[in-house]
Amino acid sequence: MEDKEVFRPQVSGRWLEQRQWDNDVFAGISVRTGGVSSGAYTSLNTGLHVGDAPESVVLNRERLARDANLPLKAWVMAEQVHGAEVAWVRAEDAGRGTQTLETAVPGVDGLLTKETDIGLAGCFADCGPLYFYAPDQGIIGLAHAGWRGAAQLITSRMIEAMVSAGAELENLKAAIGPAIGAARYEVDDRVAQAFQTVLDDHQLQQALTDNEKGRYQLDMKEMNRQLLLSAGLRPENITKSMYCTAEEEALFFSHRRDGGPTGRMSALIYREGQAQEEKS
């Protein structure tokens, strides 16, 4: 990738990290290599819901947890229903969704916390992860923002929740992780119309273009950027990955590219506390 890419490989090779924020904030997305899964899930699949052997998925997650220096038992995962509901996470939620789907935080696609040493995590393959950080309040957030959740304004829901908790809007930061790019993401009128109700024409033109088939090419990362701007974030406080999950087959799983069964990457954000600092 070109030098503008903000998600850079970690030494272990299993994570791409965004290091634009404070040193105590880890924000990353896993790649597809370095795990134990086989077949369509080769090899670092982290999704329990795609048909892979659960024991392989948990082992893959454990490897990622070790590389991120945060135990899997400290992660929290949402159910991810392609909606716009968000939830606050407390220390007692640690471990939810990490071993079984049934224990995930139900009915939500966004997680927020003020806790340190608690990881907010999710599974992705084309839908983009959105990472949030409010340095003045120490709040972090992670959202699953595919087209459905984005059109339902999960971006605004995350920002409103952080501001309600005391964060200053002008200081809020967001990072847009790897997702499917416009060249590989053709959508129909239903998708286009969903965004026409929430953004003006100029904003739409930045992320949605007509193609020769009478359909549209959707740049999901830029769409989420426009939604973040519309919600009040400053342009300089938004970073965006250049990676397209469908094009970078060596790095990422892609639901749209692979067609049938395929794996999922994990996104993770957490803020180190005193215990982690003393341990390192």
C-alpha atoms as a PDB file:
ATOM      1  CA  MET A   1       0.000   0.000   0.000  1.00  0.00           C
ATOM      2  CA  GLU A   2       1.036   3.604  -0.411  1.00  0.00           C
ATOM      3  CA  ASP A   3       2.521   5.664   2.397  1.00  0.00           C
ATOM      4  CA  LYS A   4      -0.862   7.186   3.273  1.00  0.00           C
ATOM      5  CA  GLU A   5      -2.047   3.884   4.773  1.00  0.00           C
ATOM      6  CA  VAL A   6      -2.612   4.365   8.512  1.00  0.00           C
ATOM      7  CA  PHE A   7      -3.078   0.687   9.396  1.00  0.00           C
ATOM      8  CA  ARG A   8       0.436  -0.719   9.537  1.00  0.00           C
ATOM      9  CA  PRO A   9       1.640  -4.298  10.157  1.00  0.00           C
ATOM     10  CA  GLN A  10       2.460  -5.255  13.718  1.00  0.00           C
ATOM     11  CA  VAL A  11       5.712  -7.140  14.328  1.00  0.00           C
ATOM     12  CA  SER A  12       3.799 -10.407  14.848  1.00  0.00           C
ATOM     13  CA  GLY A  13       2.215 -10.051  11.413  1.00  0.00           C
ATOM     14  CA  ARG A  14      -1.295 -10.883  12.644  1.00  0.00           C
ATOM     15  CA  TRP A  15      -2.466  -7.314  13.293  1.00  0.00           C
ATOM     16  CA  LEU A  16      -2.572  -4.110  11.295  1.00  0.00           C
ATOM     17  CA  GLU A  17      -2.469  -1.237  13.793  1.00  0.00           C
ATOM     18  CA  GLN A  18      -3.613   2.363  13.612  1.00  0.00           C
ATOM     19  CA  ARG A  19      -1.081   4.352  15.661  1.00  0.00           C
ATOM     20  CA  GLN A  20      -2.279   7.923  15.157  1.00  0.00           C
ATOM     21  CA  TRP A  21      -3.619   8.329  18.691  1.00  0.00           C
ATOM     22  CA  ASP A  22      -2.157   8.211  22.205  1.00  0.00           C
ATOM     23  CA  ASN A  23       0.357   5.464  22.915  1.00  0.00           C
ATOM     24  CA  ASP A  24      -1.936   3.771  25.435  1.00  0.00           C
ATOM     25  CA  VAL A  25      -4.649   3.156  22.811  1.00  0.00           C
ATOM     26  CA  PHE A  26      -4.469   0.004  20.693  1.00  0.00           C
ATOM     27  CA  ALA A  27      -6.656   0.041  17.570  1.00  0.00           C
ATOM     28  CA  GLY A  28      -6.189  -2.695  15.009  1.00  0.00           C
ATOM     29  CA  ILE A  29      -7.627  -5.235  12.613  1.00  0.00           C
ATOM     30  CA  SER A  30      -6.371  -8.759  12.105  1.00  0.00           C
ATOM     31  CA  VAL A  31      -5.226 -10.237   8.804  1.00  0.00           C
ATOM     32  CA  ARG A  32      -6.205 -13.670   7.483  1.00  0.00           C
ATOM     33  CA  THR A  33      -2.863 -15.442   8.049  1.00  0.00           C
ATOM     34  CA  GLY A  34      -1.197 -16.946  11.098  1.00  0.00           C
ATOM     35  CA  GLY A  35      -4.054 -19.094  12.391  1.00  0.00           C
ATOM     36  CA  VAL A  36      -5.136 -22.725  12.535  1.00  0.00           C
ATOM     37  CA  SER A  37      -8.343 -22.774  10.478  1.00  0.00           C
ATOM     38  CA  SER A  38      -8.433 -24.626   7.157  1.00  0.00           C
ATOM     39  CA  GLY A  39     -10.366 -24.724   3.899  1.00  0.00           C
ATOM     40  CA  ALA A  40     -12.411 -21.607   3.171  1.00  0.00           C
ATOM     41  CA  TYR A  41     -11.412 -20.257   6.597  1.00  0.00           C
ATOM     42  CA  THR A  42      -7.645 -20.467   6.091  1.00  0.00           C
ATOM     43  CA  SER A  43      -6.213 -19.568   8.400  1.00  0.00           C
ATOM     44  CA  LEU A  44      -6.914 -16.822  10.966  1.00  0.00           C
ATOM     45  CA  ASN A  45     -10.709 -16.854  10.895  1.00  0.00           C
ATOM     46  CA  THR A  46     -12.198 -15.245  14.010  1.00  0.00           C
ATOM     47  CA  GLY A  47     -15.918 -15.595  13.262  1.00  0.00           C
ATOM     48  CA  LEU A  48     -17.910 -18.144  15.254  1.00  0.00           C
ATOM     49  CA  HIS A  49     -20.953 -17.723  13.004  1.00  0.00           C
ATOM     50  CA  VAL A  50     -19.552 -18.771   9.615  1.00  0.00           C
ATOM     51  CA  GLY A  51     -19.322 -22.566   9.945  1.00  0.00           C
ATOM     52  CA  ASP A  52     -15.710 -22.956  11.062  1.00  0.00           C
ATOM     53  CA  ALA A  53     -14.821 -25.282  13.939  1.00  0.00           C
ATOM     54  CA  PRO A  54     -15.440 -23.292  17.161  1.00  0.00           C
ATOM     55  CA  GLU A  55     -12.268 -24.607  18.786  1.00  0.00           C
ATOM     56  CA  SER A  56     -10.214 -23.264  15.862  1.00  0.00           C
ATOM     57  CA  VAL A  57     -11.884 -19.869  16.091  1.00  0.00           C
ATOM     58  CA  VAL A  58     -11.203 -19.570  19.812  1.00  0.00           C
ATOM     59  CA  LEU A  59      -7.584 -20.625  19.322  1.00  0.00           C
ATOM     60  CA  ASN A  60      -7.199 -18.000  16.595  1.00  0.00           C
ATOM     61  CA  ARG A  61      -8.667 -15.381  18.905  1.00  0.00           C
ATOM     62  CA  GLU A  62      -6.274 -16.434  21.656  1.00  0.00           C
ATOM     63  CA  ARG A  63      -3.327 -15.913  19.316  1.00  0.00           C
ATOM     64  CA  LEU A  64      -4.551 -12.452  18.438  1.00  0.00           C
ATOM     65  CA  ALA A  65      -5.139 -11.620  22.090  1.00  0.00           C
ATOM     66  CA  ARG A  66      -1.583 -12.587  22.921  1.00  0.00           C
ATOM     67  CA  ASP A  67      -0.196 -10.443  20.107  1.00  0.00           C
ATOM     68  CA  ALA A  68      -2.343  -7.489  21.204  1.00  0.00           C
ATOM     69  CA  ASN A  69      -1.167  -7.899  24.811  1.00  0.00           C
ATOM     70  CA  LEU A  70      -4.737  -8.151  26.086  1.00  0.00           C
ATOM     71  CA  PRO A  71      -6.149 -11.523  27.255  1.00  0.00           C
ATOM     72  CA  LEU A  72      -9.179 -12.830  25.391  1.00  0.00           C
ATOM     73  CA  LYS A  73     -11.055 -12.933  28.691  1.00  0.00           C
ATOM     74  CA  ALA A  74     -10.828  -9.107  28.690  1.00  0.00           C
ATOM     75  CA  TRP A  75     -12.472  -8.736  25.273  1.00  0.00           C
ATOM     76  CA  VAL A  76     -16.162  -7.921  24.773  1.00  0.00           C
ATOM     77  CA  MET A  77     -18.026  -8.626  21.530  1.00  0.00           C
ATOM     78  CA  ALA A  78     -21.389  -7.454  20.189  1.00  0.00           C
ATOM     79  CA  GLU A  79     -23.954  -9.636  18.454  1.00  0.00           C
ATOM     80  CA  GLN A  80     -23.716  -7.486  15.277  1.00  0.00           C
ATOM     81  CA  VAL A  81     -27.177  -7.444  13.706  1.00  0.00           C
ATOM     82  CA  HIS A  82     -26.537  -4.798  10.997  1.00  0.00           C
ATOM     83  CA  GLY A  83     -28.369  -2.169  13.013  1.00  0.00           C
ATOM     84  CA  ALA A  84     -27.534   1.081  14.804  1.00  0.00           C
ATOM     85  CA  GLU A  85     -27.956   0.217  18.482  1.00  0.00           C
ATOM     86  CA  VAL A  86     -24.983   0.838  20.770  1.00  0.00           C
ATOM     87  CA  ALA A  87     -24.173  -0.235  24.321  1.00  0.00           C
ATOM     88  CA  TRP A  88     -21.846   0.793  27.106  1.00  0.00           C
ATOM     89  CA  VAL A  89     -19.465  -1.869  28.382  1.00  0.00           C
ATOM     90  CA  ARG A  90     -18.372  -2.272  32.000  1.00  0.00           C
ATOM     91  CA  ALA A  91     -15.604  -4.344  33.550  1.00  0.00           C
ATOM     92  CA  GLU A  92     -18.076  -7.073  34.485  1.00  0.00           C
ATOM     93  CA  ASP A  93     -18.858  -7.597  30.775  1.00  0.00           C
ATOM     94  CA  ALA A  94     -15.338  -8.887  30.124  1.00  0.00           C
ATOM     95  CA  GLY A  95     -15.319 -12.074  28.084  1.00  0.00           C
ATOM     96  CA  ARG A  96     -18.781 -11.703  26.573  1.00  0.00           C
ATOM     97  CA  GLY A  97     -18.995 -13.193  23.085  1.00  0.00           C
ATOM     98  CA  THR A  98     -15.430 -14.466  23.074  1.00  0.00           C
ATOM     99  CA  GLN A  99     -16.173 -18.175  23.509  1.00  0.00           C
ATOM    100  CA  THR A 100     -19.765 -18.457  22.235  1.00  0.00           C
ATOM    101  CA  LEU A 101     -22.151 -16.365  20.158  1.00  0.00           C
ATOM    102  CA  GLU A 102     -24.836 -16.638  22.810  1.00  0.00           C
ATOM    103  CA  THR A 103     -22.892 -14.570  25.344  1.00  0.00           C
ATOM    104  CA  ALA A 104     -22.274 -11.578  23.043  1.00  0.00           C
ATOM    105  CA  VAL A 105     -23.896  -8.246  23.916  1.00  0.00           C
ATOM    106  CA  PRO A 106     -27.287  -8.757  22.220  1.00  0.00           C
ATOM    107  CA  GLY A 107     -28.885  -6.614  19.542  1.00  0.00           C
ATOM    108  CA  VAL A 108     -26.097  -4.069  19.127  1.00  0.00           C
ATOM    109  CA  ASP A 109     -23.459  -3.143  16.553  1.00  0.00           C
ATOM    110  CA  GLY A 110     -21.603  -0.513  18.571  1.00  0.00           C
ATOM    111  CA  LEU A 111     -19.744  -0.759  21.866  1.00  0.00           C
ATOM    112  CA  LEU A 112     -18.330   2.005  24.077  1.00  0.00           C
ATOM    113  CA  THR A 113     -16.425   2.039  27.340  1.00  0.00           C
ATOM    114  CA  LYS A 114     -14.540   4.231  29.771  1.00  0.00           C
ATOM    115  CA  GLU A 115     -12.828   1.186  31.249  1.00  0.00           C
ATOM    116  CA  THR A 116      -9.137   0.519  30.750  1.00  0.00           C
ATOM    117  CA  ASP A 117      -7.825  -2.955  29.869  1.00  0.00           C
ATOM    118  CA  ILE A 118     -11.200  -3.909  28.377  1.00  0.00           C
ATOM    119  CA  GLY A 119     -11.147  -4.663  24.667  1.00  0.00           C
ATOM    120  CA  LEU A 120     -14.039  -3.834  22.363  1.00  0.00           C
ATOM    121  CA  ALA A 121     -13.971  -6.342  19.508  1.00  0.00           C
ATOM    122  CA  GLY A 122     -15.968  -7.382  16.463  1.00  0.00           C
ATOM    123  CA  CYS A 123     -15.846  -9.543  13.338  1.00  0.00           C
ATOM    124  CA  PHE A 124     -15.560  -8.076   9.851  1.00  0.00           C
ATOM    125  CA  ALA A 125     -15.309  -9.049   6.171  1.00  0.00           C
ATOM    126  CA  ASP A 126     -16.093  -6.071   3.877  1.00  0.00           C
ATOM    127  CA  CYS A 127     -18.180  -4.085   6.395  1.00  0.00           C
ATOM    128  CA  GLY A 128     -15.855  -1.507   7.850  1.00  0.00           C
ATOM    129  CA  PRO A 129     -14.877  -1.201  11.494  1.00  0.00           C
ATOM    130  CA  LEU A 130     -15.099   2.306  12.932  1.00  0.00           C
ATOM    131  CA  TYR A 131     -12.874   3.102  15.896  1.00  0.00           C
ATOM    132  CA  PHE A 132     -13.622   6.040  18.192  1.00  0.00           C
ATOM    133  CA  TYR A 133     -11.558   7.832  20.828  1.00  0.00           C
ATOM    134  CA  ALA A 134     -12.382  10.750  23.118  1.00  0.00           C
ATOM    135  CA  PRO A 135      -9.049  11.695  24.714  1.00  0.00           C
ATOM    136  CA  ASP A 136     -10.577  14.196  27.128  1.00  0.00           C
ATOM    137  CA  GLN A 137     -12.768  11.523  28.765  1.00  0.00           C
ATOM    138  CA  GLY A 138     -10.783   8.379  27.987  1.00  0.00           C
ATOM    139  CA  ILE A 139     -13.734   6.900  26.084  1.00  0.00           C
ATOM    140  CA  ILE A 140     -13.183   4.391  23.298  1.00  0.00           C
ATOM    141  CA  GLY A 141     -15.684   2.868  20.886  1.00  0.00           C
ATOM    142  CA  LEU A 142     -15.992   0.324  18.103  1.00  0.00           C
ATOM    143  CA  ALA A 143     -18.801   0.136  15.550  1.00  0.00           C
ATOM    144  CA  HIS A 144     -19.739  -2.400  12.885  1.00  0.00           C
ATOM    145  CA  ALA A 145     -20.736  -0.103  10.030  1.00  0.00           C
ATOM    146  CA  GLY A 146     -21.850  -1.875   6.888  1.00  0.00           C
ATOM    147  CA  TRP A 147     -24.337  -0.140   4.621  1.00  0.00           C
ATOM    148  CA  ARG A 148     -27.384  -0.977   6.735  1.00  0.00           C
ATOM    149  CA  GLY A 149     -25.921   0.270   9.993  1.00  0.00           C
ATOM    150  CA  ALA A 150     -24.374   3.284   8.297  1.00  0.00           C
ATOM    151  CA  ALA A 151     -27.679   4.281   6.689  1.00  0.00           C
ATOM    152  CA  GLN A 152     -29.328   3.961  10.108  1.00  0.00           C
ATOM    153  CA  LEU A 153     -26.702   6.420  11.403  1.00  0.00           C
ATOM    154  CA  ILE A 154     -24.728   4.253  13.773  1.00  0.00           C
ATOM    155  CA  THR A 155     -21.997   6.885  13.396  1.00  0.00           C
ATOM    156  CA  SER A 156     -24.248   9.524  14.950  1.00  0.00           C
ATOM    157  CA  ARG A 157     -25.408   7.135  17.666  1.00  0.00           C
ATOM    158  CA  MET A 158     -21.827   6.466  18.720  1.00  0.00           C
ATOM    159  CA  ILE A 159     -20.920  10.149  18.727  1.00  0.00           C
ATOM    160  CA  GLU A 160     -24.066  11.179  20.600  1.00  0.00           C
ATOM    161  CA  ALA A 161     -23.389   8.576  23.283  1.00  0.00           C
ATOM    162  CA  MET A 162     -19.832   9.807  23.773  1.00  0.00           C
ATOM    163  CA  VAL A 163     -20.870  13.470  23.908  1.00  0.00           C
ATOM    164  CA  SER A 164     -23.631  12.624  26.402  1.00  0.00           C
ATOM    165  CA  ALA A 165     -20.933  11.044  28.574  1.00  0.00           C
ATOM    166  CA  GLY A 166     -18.957  14.291  28.623  1.00  0.00           C
ATOM    167  CA  ALA A 167     -16.744  14.077  25.540  1.00  0.00           C
ATOM    168  CA  GLU A 168     -16.087  17.280  23.607  1.00  0.00           C
ATOM    169  CA  LEU A 169     -17.261  16.904  20.008  1.00  0.00           C
ATOM    170  CA  GLU A 170     -14.399  19.016  18.682  1.00  0.00           C
ATOM    171  CA  ASN A 171     -11.870  16.616  20.224  1.00  0.00           C
ATOM    172  CA  LEU A 172     -13.490  13.335  19.151  1.00  0.00           C
ATOM    173  CA  LYS A 173     -11.365  11.153  16.896  1.00  0.00           C
ATOM    174  CA  ALA A 174     -12.405   8.375  14.529  1.00  0.00           C
ATOM    175  CA  ALA A 175     -10.541   5.869  12.392  1.00  0.00           C
ATOM    176  CA  ILE A 176     -12.128   4.041   9.466  1.00  0.00           C
ATOM    177  CA  GLY A 177     -10.681   0.576   9.066  1.00  0.00           C
ATOM    178  CA  PRO A 178     -10.212  -1.582   5.963  1.00  0.00           C
ATOM    179  CA  ALA A 179     -13.452  -2.275   4.086  1.00  0.00           C
ATOM    180  CA  ILE A 180     -14.624  -3.066   0.589  1.00  0.00           C
ATOM    181  CA  GLY A 181     -13.826  -0.334  -1.943  1.00  0.00           C
ATOM    182  CA  ALA A 182     -15.985   1.243  -4.615  1.00  0.00           C
ATOM    183  CA  ALA A 183     -14.462  -0.702  -7.511  1.00  0.00           C
ATOM    184  CA  ARG A 184     -15.596  -3.996  -5.983  1.00  0.00           C
ATOM    185  CA  TYR A 185     -18.884  -2.957  -4.386  1.00  0.00           C
ATOM    186  CA  GLU A 186     -21.839  -2.657  -6.746  1.00  0.00           C
ATOM    187  CA  VAL A 187     -25.176  -1.803  -5.116  1.00  0.00           C
ATOM    188  CA  ASP A 188     -28.756  -1.203  -6.232  1.00  0.00           C
ATOM    189  CA  ASP A 189     -31.356   1.556  -5.858  1.00  0.00           C
ATOM    190  CA  ARG A 190     -32.436   0.286  -2.454  1.00  0.00           C
ATOM    191  CA  VAL A 191     -28.983   0.950  -1.005  1.00  0.00           C
ATOM    192  CA  ALA A 192     -28.585   4.290  -2.771  1.00  0.00           C
ATOM    193  CA  GLN A 193     -31.970   5.500  -1.567  1.00  0.00           C
ATOM    194  CA  ALA A 194     -31.126   4.574   2.015  1.00  0.00           C
ATOM    195  CA  PHE A 195     -28.270   7.078   1.963  1.00  0.00           C
ATOM    196  CA  GLN A 196     -30.183   9.732   0.002  1.00  0.00           C
ATOM    197  CA  THR A 197     -32.344  10.265   3.069  1.00  0.00           C
ATOM    198  CA  VAL A 198     -29.398  11.011   5.389  1.00  0.00           C
ATOM    199  CA  LEU A 199     -26.846  12.903   3.253  1.00  0.00           C
ATOM    200  CA  ASP A 200     -27.054  15.754   0.763  1.00  0.00           C
ATOM    201  CA  ASP A 201     -26.182  15.376  -2.923  1.00  0.00           C
ATOM    202  CA  HIS A 202     -22.641  16.709  -2.587  1.00  0.00           C
ATOM    203  CA  GLN A 203     -21.829  14.290   0.220  1.00  0.00           C
ATOM    204  CA  LEU A 204     -23.351  11.371  -1.678  1.00  0.00           C
ATOM    205  CA  GLN A 205     -21.264  12.136  -4.757  1.00  0.00           C
ATOM    206  CA  GLN A 206     -18.101  11.587  -2.730  1.00  0.00           C
ATOM    207  CA  ALA A 207     -19.005   7.960  -2.036  1.00  0.00           C
ATOM    208  CA  LEU A 208     -21.665   6.809  -4.505  1.00  0.00           C
ATOM    209  CA  THR A 209     -21.255   6.862  -8.287  1.00  0.00           C
ATOM    210  CA  ASP A 210     -23.407   5.622 -11.172  1.00  0.00           C
ATOM    211  CA  ASN A 211     -22.109   2.756 -13.280  1.00  0.00           C
ATOM    212  CA  GLU A 212     -22.903   1.686 -16.834  1.00  0.00           C
ATOM    213  CA  LYS A 213     -25.354  -0.971 -15.632  1.00  0.00           C
ATOM    214  CA  GLY A 214     -27.766   1.542 -14.138  1.00  0.00           C
ATOM    215  CA  ARG A 215     -26.564   0.634 -10.660  1.00  0.00           C
ATOM    216  CA  TYR A 216     -24.024   2.226  -8.312  1.00  0.00           C
ATOM    217  CA  GLN A 217     -20.505   1.741  -6.982  1.00  0.00           C
ATOM    218  CA  LEU A 218     -20.353   2.375  -3.238  1.00  0.00           C
ATOM    219  CA  ASP A 219     -17.199   3.453  -1.414  1.00  0.00           C
ATOM    220  CA  MET A 220     -18.154   2.312   2.081  1.00  0.00           C
ATOM    221  CA  LYS A 221     -15.154   3.916   3.763  1.00  0.00           C
ATOM    222  CA  GLU A 222     -15.813   7.308   2.206  1.00  0.00           C
ATOM    223  CA  MET A 223     -19.522   6.983   2.976  1.00  0.00           C
ATOM    224  CA  ASN A 224     -18.704   6.489   6.636  1.00  0.00           C
ATOM    225  CA  ARG A 225     -16.321   9.446   6.469  1.00  0.00           C
ATOM    226  CA  GLN A 226     -19.092  11.659   5.090  1.00  0.00           C
ATOM    227  CA  LEU A 227     -21.427  10.465   7.837  1.00  0.00           C
ATOM    228  CA  LEU A 228     -18.814  11.251  10.487  1.00  0.00           C
ATOM    229  CA  LEU A 229     -18.367  14.747   9.059  1.00  0.00           C
ATOM    230  CA  SER A 230     -22.130  15.226   8.943  1.00  0.00           C
ATOM    231  CA  ALA A 231     -22.279  14.264  12.626  1.00  0.00           C
ATOM    232  CA  GLY A 232     -19.836  17.039  13.497  1.00  0.00           C
ATOM    233  CA  LEU A 233     -16.378  15.484  13.547  1.00  0.00           C
ATOM    234  CA  ARG A 234     -13.538  17.645  12.306  1.00  0.00           C
ATOM    235  CA  PRO A 235     -11.870  16.429   9.082  1.00  0.00           C
ATOM    236  CA  GLU A 236      -8.446  16.443  10.732  1.00  0.00           C
ATOM    237  CA  ASN A 237      -9.740  14.097  13.438  1.00  0.00           C
ATOM    238  CA  ILE A 238     -10.741  11.373  10.969  1.00  0.00           C
ATOM    239  CA  THR A 239      -8.280   8.852   9.546  1.00  0.00           C
ATOM    240  CA  LYS A 240      -9.181   6.366   6.832  1.00  0.00           C
ATOM    241  CA  SER A 241      -7.578   3.146   5.661  1.00  0.00           C
ATOM    242  CA  MET A 242      -6.743   2.797   1.977  1.00  0.00           C
ATOM    243  CA  TYR A 243      -7.144  -0.988   2.039  1.00  0.00           C
ATOM    244  CA  CYS A 244      -9.940  -2.671   0.067  1.00  0.00           C
ATOM    245  CA  THR A 245     -10.777  -6.022   1.625  1.00  0.00           C
ATOM    246  CA  ALA A 246     -11.973  -7.469  -1.693  1.00  0.00           C
ATOM    247  CA  GLU A 247      -8.803  -6.521  -3.572  1.00  0.00           C
ATOM    248  CA  GLU A 248      -6.253  -7.532  -0.931  1.00  0.00           C
ATOM    249  CA  GLU A 249      -6.907 -11.290  -1.001  1.00  0.00           C
ATOM    250  CA  ALA A 250      -3.587 -12.133   0.656  1.00  0.00           C
ATOM    251  CA  LEU A 251      -4.489 -10.001   3.677  1.00  0.00           C
ATOM    252  CA  PHE A 252      -8.245 -10.138   4.145  1.00  0.00           C
ATOM    253  CA  PHE A 253     -11.313 -12.329   3.963  1.00  0.00           C
ATOM    254  CA  SER A 254     -14.074 -10.843   1.803  1.00  0.00           C
ATOM    255  CA  HIS A 255     -17.703 -11.939   1.777  1.00  0.00           C
ATOM    256  CA  ARG A 256     -18.374 -10.209  -1.550  1.00  0.00           C
ATOM    257  CA  ARG A 257     -15.231 -11.560  -3.272  1.00  0.00           C
ATOM    258  CA  ASP A 258     -15.305 -15.116  -1.949  1.00  0.00           C
ATOM    259  CA  GLY A 259     -19.003 -15.687  -2.604  1.00  0.00           C
ATOM    260  CA  GLY A 260     -19.465 -18.750  -0.411  1.00  0.00           C
ATOM    261  CA  PRO A 261     -18.237 -19.586   3.084  1.00  0.00           C
ATOM    262  CA  THR A 262     -15.317 -17.464   4.203  1.00  0.00           C
ATOM    263  CA  GLY A 263     -13.714 -16.198   7.381  1.00  0.00           C
ATOM    264  CA  ARG A 264     -13.830 -12.969   9.325  1.00  0.00           C
ATOM    265  CA  MET A 265     -11.155 -10.600  10.630  1.00  0.00           C
ATOM    266  CA  SER A 266     -11.286  -9.184  14.139  1.00  0.00           C
ATOM    267  CA  ALA A 267     -11.175  -5.494  14.967  1.00  0.00           C
ATOM    268  CA  LEU A 268     -10.053  -4.533  18.463  1.00  0.00           C
ATOM    269  CA  ILE A 269      -9.650  -1.328  20.423  1.00  0.00           C
ATOM    270  CA  TYR A 270      -8.605  -0.936  24.045  1.00  0.00           C
ATOM    271  CA  ARG A 271      -6.924   1.560  26.312  1.00  0.00           C
ATOM    272  CA  GLU A 272      -4.114   0.399  28.558  1.00  0.00           C
ATOM    273  CA  GLY A 273      -4.441   0.971  32.268  1.00  0.00           C
ATOM    274  CA  GLN A 274      -1.892   1.004  35.046  1.00  0.00           C
ATOM    275  CA  ALA A 275      -1.857  -2.779  35.346  1.00  0.00           C
ATOM    276  CA  GLN A 276      -0.889  -3.208  31.701  1.00  0.00           C
ATOM    277  CA  GLU A 277       1.746  -0.488  31.899  1.00  0.00           C
ATOM    278  CA  GLU A 278       3.398  -2.098  34.900  1.00  0.00           C
ATOM    279  CA  LYS A 279       3.303  -5.509  33.228  1.00  0.00           C
ATOM    280  CA  SER A 280       4.973  -4.330  30.024  1.00  0.00           C
END
